[in-house]
């Protein structure tokens, strides 16, 4: 279906092999693996879809990823259908599920996830030796040693489409600057929430959209960083 789309000129892109429906094809594997050589950090998930070939491609490339990795959105949904892939993840991997995605990953009702958020976050991170961000109010960050940090920033207005994609980008950006996954995740979740709080203070929670978080980031970082 034809659509008008915006392409930000500062974003670098690489064409990859597609299926007839326009999703990533399995034959994109070699190009993708060549692309990620010597990269400092990688994010996979937002916008990739759960088309069969794309899911198969993810399963093919996960064992080859050695750099710090953030998994979100459809990458989480793909892993939920192939839970053995969790064993392929490196220790510097961060997963950022919302409660519904976490319910799929763990095979539990969303209501059970929500009623035992801290315990479930700790268990998942410990069982799979990863860092996990269970998004919500408040967001929780669980680590492989079973510890959980409760994030102090953020508001209900951030429960909007694309907000989680911004979080993925922030965490990955901190990783790319050399922060270990634990510190990058703690900083990313805090900054993401603070940007939302800054917008809510000057404007409104009710009107907040993901683009507002991006626009607030420069001033938020200016206030937080020395």
Foldseek 3Di string as FASTA:
>chain_A
DDDDDDDPPVDDDDDFDADPVGAHALVSQVVVLVVCPPALEEEDAPPRDVPPRSLVNCLVCLLVDDHQYEYEHVSLVSCLVVVVCLLSHDLSYEYEYELVSLCSNVVHDSVVCVVCVLQSLLVVQQVSNYWYWHVDVFIWIYGNVSDIDTADFADPLCPAPPLVVVLSVQLRVVSSVPDGSVVSNNVSSNLSRVLLVVCCVVPNSNPDDNVSSVVSNVVSCVVVPD
